[in-house]
Amino acid sequence: MTFRTIRFEEPEAGIGLITLNRPDRLNAINLDMLDDLHSLFDQLCEWDRVRVVIIVGEGRGFCSGADIKDARLRRDATALFSDAATHLVAIQKKYSERILEMRRLPQPIIAAVDGPAAGGGMCIALASDVILATPRANFIASFINIGLSGGELGTSYFLPRAVGRAKASEILLTGRTVSAEEAERIGLVSCLVKEGDLMDAAMEMARTMLTKSPMGLRLTKEALNQNLNAPSLEAAIELENRNQSMCCCTSEFMEAVASFAESEEK
């Protein structure tokens, strides 16, 4: 597949690799990238052969956020920023819908962050299921620094759930830089890996996921998505019960049980 601003590869069976590919702009998100991601996400929803997705940035950064120098944006700025309703439909929703599409993908997403993940780049990382980072990584909710609300592209949803309300409030209200070490300590990232080992670590995690059943992976992501907002423990368990009963009737489960029982007998 050919895109203007991203690359998509399948480095191994079952693994899809998305590279944000605008290194001269620290992989800033322009309107072309939004279009490319939308096209790719649409197709990934239909591809059973891709079971885990990894997102990385080309060059010395993960993603620096929205590209304020986007040629398409600047060309039509007078119209696009003429009133809030126009901006909401033509710009804001285009950005935010990519975040929703990430969460709707059936595949688990691993964000491999090296260098800055600022603004929308931090949001892409937060919308992933697992975040791996190198010590060079940093995270900046930069919206408040340029006169915007700190709640953008899901930050006010994802961040408090990752690090707690008080810490999330401080990060979003100050727009300060969160180092990789702090990000790991407060639970913003899953783990730190050495520089140079990031892709190996992401691929190894993806391979581990691939050892699980396809339905198990998909239903685990679904349960995590839905039960973050479950109205009660009973509602959360009801969804889990449904998922487990579905999985218990698959050949993968039967084979795994038989293999476990055989190993116990040895």
C-alpha atoms as a PDB file:
ATOM      1  CA  MET A   1       0.000   0.000   0.000  1.00  0.00           C
ATOM      2  CA  THR A   2       1.231   3.486  -0.880  1.00  0.00           C
ATOM      3  CA  PHE A   3       0.510   6.597   1.183  1.00  0.00           C
ATOM      4  CA  ARG A   4       1.813  10.150   1.135  1.00  0.00           C
ATOM      5  CA  THR A   5       2.646  10.597   4.816  1.00  0.00           C
ATOM      6  CA  ILE A   6       2.808   7.134   6.388  1.00  0.00           C
ATOM      7  CA  ARG A   7       4.208   3.713   5.556  1.00  0.00           C
ATOM      8  CA  PHE A   8       2.467   0.428   6.200  1.00  0.00           C
ATOM      9  CA  GLU A   9       4.337  -2.876   6.208  1.00  0.00           C
ATOM     10  CA  GLU A  10       3.778  -6.405   7.457  1.00  0.00           C
ATOM     11  CA  PRO A  11       7.241  -7.314   8.766  1.00  0.00           C
ATOM     12  CA  GLU A  12       6.030 -10.716   9.949  1.00  0.00           C
ATOM     13  CA  ALA A  13       2.846 -12.690   9.541  1.00  0.00           C
ATOM     14  CA  GLY A  14       0.139 -11.216  11.749  1.00  0.00           C
ATOM     15  CA  ILE A  15       1.965  -7.946  12.532  1.00  0.00           C
ATOM     16  CA  GLY A  16       1.204  -4.591  10.893  1.00  0.00           C
ATOM     17  CA  LEU A  17       3.725  -1.750  11.221  1.00  0.00           C
ATOM     18  CA  ILE A  18       2.583   1.852  10.762  1.00  0.00           C
ATOM     19  CA  THR A  19       5.359   4.430  10.426  1.00  0.00           C
ATOM     20  CA  LEU A  20       4.458   8.114  10.663  1.00  0.00           C
ATOM     21  CA  ASN A  21       6.688   9.336   7.858  1.00  0.00           C
ATOM     22  CA  ARG A  22       7.241  13.095   7.902  1.00  0.00           C
ATOM     23  CA  PRO A  23      10.628  13.210   9.655  1.00  0.00           C
ATOM     24  CA  ASP A  24      11.423  16.721   8.401  1.00  0.00           C
ATOM     25  CA  ARG A  25       8.451  17.938  10.496  1.00  0.00           C
ATOM     26  CA  LEU A  26       8.992  15.510  13.402  1.00  0.00           C
ATOM     27  CA  ASN A  27       6.098  13.522  11.909  1.00  0.00           C
ATOM     28  CA  ALA A  28       3.629  16.346  12.527  1.00  0.00           C
ATOM     29  CA  ILE A  29       0.040  15.483  11.637  1.00  0.00           C
ATOM     30  CA  ASN A  30      -1.225  17.338   8.580  1.00  0.00           C
ATOM     31  CA  LEU A  31      -4.517  16.870   6.752  1.00  0.00           C
ATOM     32  CA  ASP A  32      -2.899  14.451   4.305  1.00  0.00           C
ATOM     33  CA  MET A  33      -1.800  12.254   7.231  1.00  0.00           C
ATOM     34  CA  LEU A  34      -5.320  12.287   8.633  1.00  0.00           C
ATOM     35  CA  ASP A  35      -6.607  11.085   5.259  1.00  0.00           C
ATOM     36  CA  ASP A  36      -3.916   8.391   5.019  1.00  0.00           C
ATOM     37  CA  LEU A  37      -4.619   7.092   8.529  1.00  0.00           C
ATOM     38  CA  HIS A  38      -8.355   7.019   7.857  1.00  0.00           C
ATOM     39  CA  SER A  39      -7.853   4.949   4.703  1.00  0.00           C
ATOM     40  CA  LEU A  40      -5.509   2.532   6.468  1.00  0.00           C
ATOM     41  CA  PHE A  41      -7.669   2.123   9.579  1.00  0.00           C
ATOM     42  CA  ASP A  42     -10.680   1.386   7.376  1.00  0.00           C
ATOM     43  CA  GLN A  43      -8.787  -1.456   5.720  1.00  0.00           C
ATOM     44  CA  LEU A  44      -7.250  -2.801   8.929  1.00  0.00           C
ATOM     45  CA  CYS A  45     -10.752  -3.326  10.321  1.00  0.00           C
ATOM     46  CA  GLU A  46     -11.328  -5.839   7.522  1.00  0.00           C
ATOM     47  CA  TRP A  47      -7.950  -7.609   7.567  1.00  0.00           C
ATOM     48  CA  ASP A  48      -8.076 -10.693   9.743  1.00  0.00           C
ATOM     49  CA  ARG A  49      -4.499 -11.513   8.741  1.00  0.00           C
ATOM     50  CA  VAL A  50      -3.218  -8.488  10.712  1.00  0.00           C
ATOM     51  CA  ARG A  51      -3.705  -9.292  14.384  1.00  0.00           C
ATOM     52  CA  VAL A  52      -1.408  -6.759  16.124  1.00  0.00           C
ATOM     53  CA  VAL A  53      -0.459  -3.240  15.039  1.00  0.00           C
ATOM     54  CA  ILE A  54       2.686  -1.274  15.951  1.00  0.00           C
ATOM     55  CA  ILE A  55       2.930   2.509  15.469  1.00  0.00           C
ATOM     56  CA  VAL A  56       6.323   4.238  15.275  1.00  0.00           C
ATOM     57  CA  GLY A  57       7.681   7.573  14.098  1.00  0.00           C
ATOM     58  CA  GLU A  58      10.351   7.978  11.427  1.00  0.00           C
ATOM     59  CA  GLY A  59      13.550   9.729  12.456  1.00  0.00           C
ATOM     60  CA  ARG A  60      14.245  11.496  15.733  1.00  0.00           C
ATOM     61  CA  GLY A  61      10.716  11.846  17.067  1.00  0.00           C
ATOM     62  CA  PHE A  62       7.445   9.966  17.449  1.00  0.00           C
ATOM     63  CA  CYS A  63       5.071  12.794  16.510  1.00  0.00           C
ATOM     64  CA  SER A  64       5.117  16.532  17.239  1.00  0.00           C
ATOM     65  CA  GLY A  65       1.352  16.976  16.984  1.00  0.00           C
ATOM     66  CA  ALA A  66      -0.734  18.977  14.545  1.00  0.00           C
ATOM     67  CA  ASP A  67       1.216  20.648  11.752  1.00  0.00           C
ATOM     68  CA  ILE A  68       0.382  24.360  11.992  1.00  0.00           C
ATOM     69  CA  LYS A  69       2.348  24.913   8.770  1.00  0.00           C
ATOM     70  CA  ASP A  70       0.197  22.455   6.817  1.00  0.00           C
ATOM     71  CA  ALA A  71      -0.119  23.879   3.294  1.00  0.00           C
ATOM     72  CA  ARG A  72      -3.742  22.738   2.935  1.00  0.00           C
ATOM     73  CA  LEU A  73      -4.633  24.257   6.287  1.00  0.00           C
ATOM     74  CA  ARG A  74      -2.959  27.603   5.575  1.00  0.00           C
ATOM     75  CA  ARG A  75      -4.419  27.824   2.077  1.00  0.00           C
ATOM     76  CA  ASP A  76      -7.990  27.593   3.413  1.00  0.00           C
ATOM     77  CA  ALA A  77      -7.396  29.147   6.844  1.00  0.00           C
ATOM     78  CA  THR A  78      -9.770  32.078   6.338  1.00  0.00           C
ATOM     79  CA  ALA A  79     -12.676  29.758   5.660  1.00  0.00           C
ATOM     80  CA  LEU A  80     -11.741  26.961   8.050  1.00  0.00           C
ATOM     81  CA  PHE A  81     -11.301  29.289  11.032  1.00  0.00           C
ATOM     82  CA  SER A  82     -14.151  31.649  10.168  1.00  0.00           C
ATOM     83  CA  ASP A  83     -16.437  30.293  12.879  1.00  0.00           C
ATOM     84  CA  ALA A  84     -16.480  27.524  15.455  1.00  0.00           C
ATOM     85  CA  ALA A  85     -19.049  25.389  13.646  1.00  0.00           C
ATOM     86  CA  THR A  86     -16.998  25.280  10.452  1.00  0.00           C
ATOM     87  CA  HIS A  87     -13.807  24.478  12.348  1.00  0.00           C
ATOM     88  CA  LEU A  88     -15.554  21.759  14.354  1.00  0.00           C
ATOM     89  CA  VAL A  89     -16.680  19.874  11.265  1.00  0.00           C
ATOM     90  CA  ALA A  90     -13.763  20.527   8.901  1.00  0.00           C
ATOM     91  CA  ILE A  91     -10.798  20.294  11.294  1.00  0.00           C
ATOM     92  CA  GLN A  92     -11.525  19.259  14.868  1.00  0.00           C
ATOM     93  CA  LYS A  93     -13.599  16.188  14.068  1.00  0.00           C
ATOM     94  CA  LYS A  94     -11.119  15.063  11.414  1.00  0.00           C
ATOM     95  CA  TYR A  95      -8.409  14.870  14.064  1.00  0.00           C
ATOM     96  CA  SER A  96     -10.551  13.365  16.804  1.00  0.00           C
ATOM     97  CA  GLU A  97     -12.081  10.709  14.565  1.00  0.00           C
ATOM     98  CA  ARG A  98      -8.642   9.160  14.024  1.00  0.00           C
ATOM     99  CA  ILE A  99      -8.455   8.568  17.796  1.00  0.00           C
ATOM    100  CA  LEU A 100     -11.879   6.922  17.791  1.00  0.00           C
ATOM    101  CA  GLU A 101     -10.847   4.772  14.834  1.00  0.00           C
ATOM    102  CA  MET A 102      -7.790   3.572  16.747  1.00  0.00           C
ATOM    103  CA  ARG A 103      -9.950   2.425  19.640  1.00  0.00           C
ATOM    104  CA  ARG A 104     -12.400   0.733  17.250  1.00  0.00           C
ATOM    105  CA  LEU A 105      -9.679  -1.291  15.543  1.00  0.00           C
ATOM    106  CA  PRO A 106      -9.998  -4.928  16.604  1.00  0.00           C
ATOM    107  CA  GLN A 107      -6.207  -5.261  16.739  1.00  0.00           C
ATOM    108  CA  PRO A 108      -4.234  -4.319  19.863  1.00  0.00           C
ATOM    109  CA  ILE A 109      -1.993  -1.317  19.129  1.00  0.00           C
ATOM    110  CA  ILE A 110       1.547  -0.957  20.454  1.00  0.00           C
ATOM    111  CA  ALA A 111       2.967   2.587  20.338  1.00  0.00           C
ATOM    112  CA  ALA A 112       6.785   2.548  20.191  1.00  0.00           C
ATOM    113  CA  VAL A 113       7.838   6.049  21.245  1.00  0.00           C
ATOM    114  CA  ASP A 114      11.340   7.405  20.694  1.00  0.00           C
ATOM    115  CA  GLY A 115      11.807  11.159  21.035  1.00  0.00           C
ATOM    116  CA  PRO A 116       9.003  13.698  21.435  1.00  0.00           C
ATOM    117  CA  ALA A 117       5.332  12.726  21.546  1.00  0.00           C
ATOM    118  CA  ALA A 118       3.775  16.183  21.712  1.00  0.00           C
ATOM    119  CA  GLY A 119       0.201  17.381  21.315  1.00  0.00           C
ATOM    120  CA  GLY A 120      -1.590  15.033  18.947  1.00  0.00           C
ATOM    121  CA  GLY A 121       1.424  12.719  19.063  1.00  0.00           C
ATOM    122  CA  MET A 122       0.878  12.197  22.772  1.00  0.00           C
ATOM    123  CA  CYS A 123      -2.788  11.549  22.007  1.00  0.00           C
ATOM    124  CA  ILE A 124      -1.914   8.835  19.461  1.00  0.00           C
ATOM    125  CA  ALA A 125       0.261   7.191  22.100  1.00  0.00           C
ATOM    126  CA  LEU A 126      -2.483   7.409  24.737  1.00  0.00           C
ATOM    127  CA  ALA A 127      -5.028   5.915  22.333  1.00  0.00           C
ATOM    128  CA  SER A 128      -2.800   2.867  21.861  1.00  0.00           C
ATOM    129  CA  ASP A 129      -3.202  -0.212  24.031  1.00  0.00           C
ATOM    130  CA  VAL A 130       0.450  -0.468  25.094  1.00  0.00           C
ATOM    131  CA  ILE A 131       3.120   2.256  25.110  1.00  0.00           C
ATOM    132  CA  LEU A 132       6.792   1.330  24.945  1.00  0.00           C
ATOM    133  CA  ALA A 133       9.317   4.164  25.185  1.00  0.00           C
ATOM    134  CA  THR A 134      13.046   4.816  25.193  1.00  0.00           C
ATOM    135  CA  PRO A 135      14.749   7.154  27.674  1.00  0.00           C
ATOM    136  CA  ARG A 136      14.810   9.760  24.850  1.00  0.00           C
ATOM    137  CA  ALA A 137      11.022   9.867  24.762  1.00  0.00           C
ATOM    138  CA  ASN A 138       9.030  12.688  26.292  1.00  0.00           C
ATOM    139  CA  PHE A 139       5.347  13.525  26.428  1.00  0.00           C
ATOM    140  CA  ILE A 140       3.869  17.024  26.163  1.00  0.00           C
ATOM    141  CA  ALA A 141       0.177  17.908  26.311  1.00  0.00           C
ATOM    142  CA  SER A 142       1.055  21.167  24.604  1.00  0.00           C
ATOM    143  CA  PHE A 143      -2.456  22.423  23.862  1.00  0.00           C
ATOM    144  CA  ILE A 144      -2.710  24.682  26.922  1.00  0.00           C
ATOM    145  CA  ASN A 145       0.583  26.333  25.872  1.00  0.00           C
ATOM    146  CA  ILE A 146      -0.930  27.765  22.686  1.00  0.00           C
ATOM    147  CA  GLY A 147      -4.203  29.067  24.072  1.00  0.00           C
ATOM    148  CA  LEU A 148      -6.234  25.888  23.685  1.00  0.00           C
ATOM    149  CA  SER A 149      -7.958  23.653  26.200  1.00  0.00           C
ATOM    150  CA  GLY A 150      -5.761  20.926  27.638  1.00  0.00           C
ATOM    151  CA  GLY A 151      -8.573  18.473  26.926  1.00  0.00           C
ATOM    152  CA  GLU A 152      -7.905  17.435  23.330  1.00  0.00           C
ATOM    153  CA  LEU A 153      -8.252  14.238  21.276  1.00  0.00           C
ATOM    154  CA  GLY A 154      -9.116  12.170  24.326  1.00  0.00           C
ATOM    155  CA  THR A 155      -6.495  13.459  26.792  1.00  0.00           C
ATOM    156  CA  SER A 156      -9.076  14.260  29.454  1.00  0.00           C
ATOM    157  CA  TYR A 157     -10.380  10.684  29.091  1.00  0.00           C
ATOM    158  CA  PHE A 158      -7.204   8.615  28.721  1.00  0.00           C
ATOM    159  CA  LEU A 159      -4.752  10.460  30.956  1.00  0.00           C
ATOM    160  CA  PRO A 160      -6.723  10.405  34.256  1.00  0.00           C
ATOM    161  CA  ARG A 161      -7.351   6.701  33.744  1.00  0.00           C
ATOM    162  CA  ALA A 162      -3.639   6.105  33.235  1.00  0.00           C
ATOM    163  CA  VAL A 163      -2.116   8.297  35.953  1.00  0.00           C
ATOM    164  CA  GLY A 164      -4.979   9.432  38.205  1.00  0.00           C
ATOM    165  CA  ARG A 165      -7.001  12.643  38.242  1.00  0.00           C
ATOM    166  CA  ALA A 166      -4.608  14.808  40.268  1.00  0.00           C
ATOM    167  CA  LYS A 167      -1.518  14.028  38.189  1.00  0.00           C
ATOM    168  CA  ALA A 168      -3.461  14.301  34.926  1.00  0.00           C
ATOM    169  CA  SER A 169      -4.834  17.691  35.978  1.00  0.00           C
ATOM    170  CA  GLU A 170      -1.357  18.995  36.737  1.00  0.00           C
ATOM    171  CA  ILE A 171       0.038  17.766  33.398  1.00  0.00           C
ATOM    172  CA  LEU A 172      -2.842  19.134  31.321  1.00  0.00           C
ATOM    173  CA  LEU A 173      -3.075  22.475  33.150  1.00  0.00           C
ATOM    174  CA  THR A 174       0.648  23.254  32.957  1.00  0.00           C
ATOM    175  CA  GLY A 175       1.524  21.779  29.566  1.00  0.00           C
ATOM    176  CA  ARG A 176       4.889  20.742  30.954  1.00  0.00           C
ATOM    177  CA  THR A 177       7.165  18.056  29.532  1.00  0.00           C
ATOM    178  CA  VAL A 178       6.909  14.600  31.093  1.00  0.00           C
ATOM    179  CA  SER A 179      10.178  12.708  30.803  1.00  0.00           C
ATOM    180  CA  ALA A 180      10.326   9.041  29.886  1.00  0.00           C
ATOM    181  CA  GLU A 181      11.417   8.127  33.417  1.00  0.00           C
ATOM    182  CA  GLU A 182       8.510   9.977  35.003  1.00  0.00           C
ATOM    183  CA  ALA A 183       6.098   8.565  32.415  1.00  0.00           C
ATOM    184  CA  GLU A 184       7.065   5.043  33.426  1.00  0.00           C
ATOM    185  CA  ARG A 185       6.896   5.867  37.145  1.00  0.00           C
ATOM    186  CA  ILE A 186       3.379   7.327  36.991  1.00  0.00           C
ATOM    187  CA  GLY A 187       1.995   4.663  34.654  1.00  0.00           C
ATOM    188  CA  LEU A 188       1.746   6.714  31.469  1.00  0.00           C
ATOM    189  CA  VAL A 189       3.902   4.167  29.612  1.00  0.00           C
ATOM    190  CA  SER A 190       4.034   0.404  29.987  1.00  0.00           C
ATOM    191  CA  CYS A 191       7.820   0.138  30.162  1.00  0.00           C
ATOM    192  CA  LEU A 192      11.106   1.720  29.104  1.00  0.00           C
ATOM    193  CA  VAL A 193      13.533  -0.034  26.790  1.00  0.00           C
ATOM    194  CA  LYS A 194      17.080   0.852  25.806  1.00  0.00           C
ATOM    195  CA  GLU A 195      17.714   3.110  22.839  1.00  0.00           C
ATOM    196  CA  GLY A 196      18.243   0.927  19.812  1.00  0.00           C
ATOM    197  CA  ASP A 197      16.108  -1.866  21.274  1.00  0.00           C
ATOM    198  CA  LEU A 198      12.712  -0.247  20.784  1.00  0.00           C
ATOM    199  CA  MET A 199      11.629  -2.051  17.607  1.00  0.00           C
ATOM    200  CA  ASP A 200      12.947  -5.364  18.881  1.00  0.00           C
ATOM    201  CA  ALA A 201      10.914  -4.909  22.081  1.00  0.00           C
ATOM    202  CA  ALA A 202       7.777  -3.924  20.156  1.00  0.00           C
ATOM    203  CA  MET A 203       8.118  -6.883  17.802  1.00  0.00           C
ATOM    204  CA  GLU A 204       8.715  -9.266  20.697  1.00  0.00           C
ATOM    205  CA  MET A 205       5.595  -8.018  22.471  1.00  0.00           C
ATOM    206  CA  ALA A 206       3.601  -8.360  19.257  1.00  0.00           C
ATOM    207  CA  ARG A 207       4.876 -11.933  18.823  1.00  0.00           C
ATOM    208  CA  THR A 208       3.778 -12.738  22.372  1.00  0.00           C
ATOM    209  CA  MET A 209       0.296 -11.429  21.586  1.00  0.00           C
ATOM    210  CA  LEU A 210       0.216 -13.544  18.429  1.00  0.00           C
ATOM    211  CA  THR A 211       0.576 -16.686  20.549  1.00  0.00           C
ATOM    212  CA  LYS A 212      -2.881 -15.939  21.941  1.00  0.00           C
ATOM    213  CA  SER A 213      -6.096 -16.828  20.144  1.00  0.00           C
ATOM    214  CA  PRO A 214      -7.463 -14.277  17.640  1.00  0.00           C
ATOM    215  CA  MET A 215     -10.790 -14.081  19.456  1.00  0.00           C
ATOM    216  CA  GLY A 216      -9.077 -13.794  22.828  1.00  0.00           C
ATOM    217  CA  LEU A 217      -7.074 -10.783  21.688  1.00  0.00           C
ATOM    218  CA  ARG A 218     -10.033  -9.002  20.133  1.00  0.00           C
ATOM    219  CA  LEU A 219     -12.404  -9.612  23.020  1.00  0.00           C
ATOM    220  CA  THR A 220      -9.786  -8.498  25.563  1.00  0.00           C
ATOM    221  CA  LYS A 221      -9.448  -5.133  23.799  1.00  0.00           C
ATOM    222  CA  GLU A 222     -13.232  -4.902  23.568  1.00  0.00           C
ATOM    223  CA  ALA A 223     -13.657  -5.624  27.288  1.00  0.00           C
ATOM    224  CA  LEU A 224     -11.045  -3.031  28.256  1.00  0.00           C
ATOM    225  CA  ASN A 225     -12.709  -0.442  26.005  1.00  0.00           C
ATOM    226  CA  GLN A 226     -16.197  -1.013  27.313  1.00  0.00           C
ATOM    227  CA  ASN A 227     -15.460  -1.675  30.957  1.00  0.00           C
ATOM    228  CA  LEU A 228     -13.497   1.545  31.454  1.00  0.00           C
ATOM    229  CA  ASN A 229     -16.973   3.081  31.516  1.00  0.00           C
ATOM    230  CA  ALA A 230     -18.938   0.208  32.983  1.00  0.00           C
ATOM    231  CA  PRO A 231     -21.731   1.552  35.212  1.00  0.00           C
ATOM    232  CA  SER A 232     -21.188  -1.231  37.742  1.00  0.00           C
ATOM    233  CA  LEU A 233     -19.128  -4.300  38.537  1.00  0.00           C
ATOM    234  CA  GLU A 234     -22.130  -6.391  37.545  1.00  0.00           C
ATOM    235  CA  ALA A 235     -22.198  -4.832  34.059  1.00  0.00           C
ATOM    236  CA  ALA A 236     -18.453  -5.388  33.627  1.00  0.00           C
ATOM    237  CA  ILE A 237     -18.696  -9.028  34.670  1.00  0.00           C
ATOM    238  CA  GLU A 238     -21.682  -9.591  32.403  1.00  0.00           C
ATOM    239  CA  LEU A 239     -19.590  -8.578  29.382  1.00  0.00           C
ATOM    240  CA  GLU A 240     -16.690 -10.712  30.577  1.00  0.00           C
ATOM    241  CA  ASN A 241     -19.045 -13.666  31.042  1.00  0.00           C
ATOM    242  CA  ARG A 242     -20.273 -13.340  27.461  1.00  0.00           C
ATOM    243  CA  ASN A 243     -16.730 -13.127  26.112  1.00  0.00           C
ATOM    244  CA  GLN A 244     -15.512 -16.127  28.110  1.00  0.00           C
ATOM    245  CA  SER A 245     -18.408 -18.318  27.048  1.00  0.00           C
ATOM    246  CA  MET A 246     -17.723 -17.427  23.417  1.00  0.00           C
ATOM    247  CA  CYS A 247     -14.015 -18.244  23.796  1.00  0.00           C
ATOM    248  CA  CYS A 248     -14.702 -21.498  25.679  1.00  0.00           C
ATOM    249  CA  CYS A 249     -16.436 -22.877  22.594  1.00  0.00           C
ATOM    250  CA  THR A 250     -13.504 -22.285  20.217  1.00  0.00           C
ATOM    251  CA  SER A 251     -11.043 -24.888  18.976  1.00  0.00           C
ATOM    252  CA  GLU A 252      -8.136 -22.770  20.302  1.00  0.00           C
ATOM    253  CA  PHE A 253      -9.443 -23.105  23.863  1.00  0.00           C
ATOM    254  CA  MET A 254     -10.005 -26.845  23.561  1.00  0.00           C
ATOM    255  CA  GLU A 255      -6.512 -27.360  22.155  1.00  0.00           C
ATOM    256  CA  ALA A 256      -4.914 -25.209  24.873  1.00  0.00           C
ATOM    257  CA  VAL A 257      -6.702 -27.133  27.632  1.00  0.00           C
ATOM    258  CA  ALA A 258      -5.673 -30.464  26.117  1.00  0.00           C
ATOM    259  CA  SER A 259      -2.063 -29.312  25.812  1.00  0.00           C
ATOM    260  CA  PHE A 260      -2.020 -28.083  29.420  1.00  0.00           C
ATOM    261  CA  ALA A 261      -3.511 -31.322  30.712  1.00  0.00           C
ATOM    262  CA  GLU A 262      -0.938 -33.329  28.773  1.00  0.00           C
ATOM    263  CA  SER A 263       1.943 -31.291  30.213  1.00  0.00           C
ATOM    264  CA  GLU A 264       0.597 -31.793  33.745  1.00  0.00           C
ATOM    265  CA  GLU A 265       0.623 -35.566  33.286  1.00  0.00           C
ATOM    266  CA  LYS A 266       4.314 -35.649  32.338  1.00  0.00           C
END
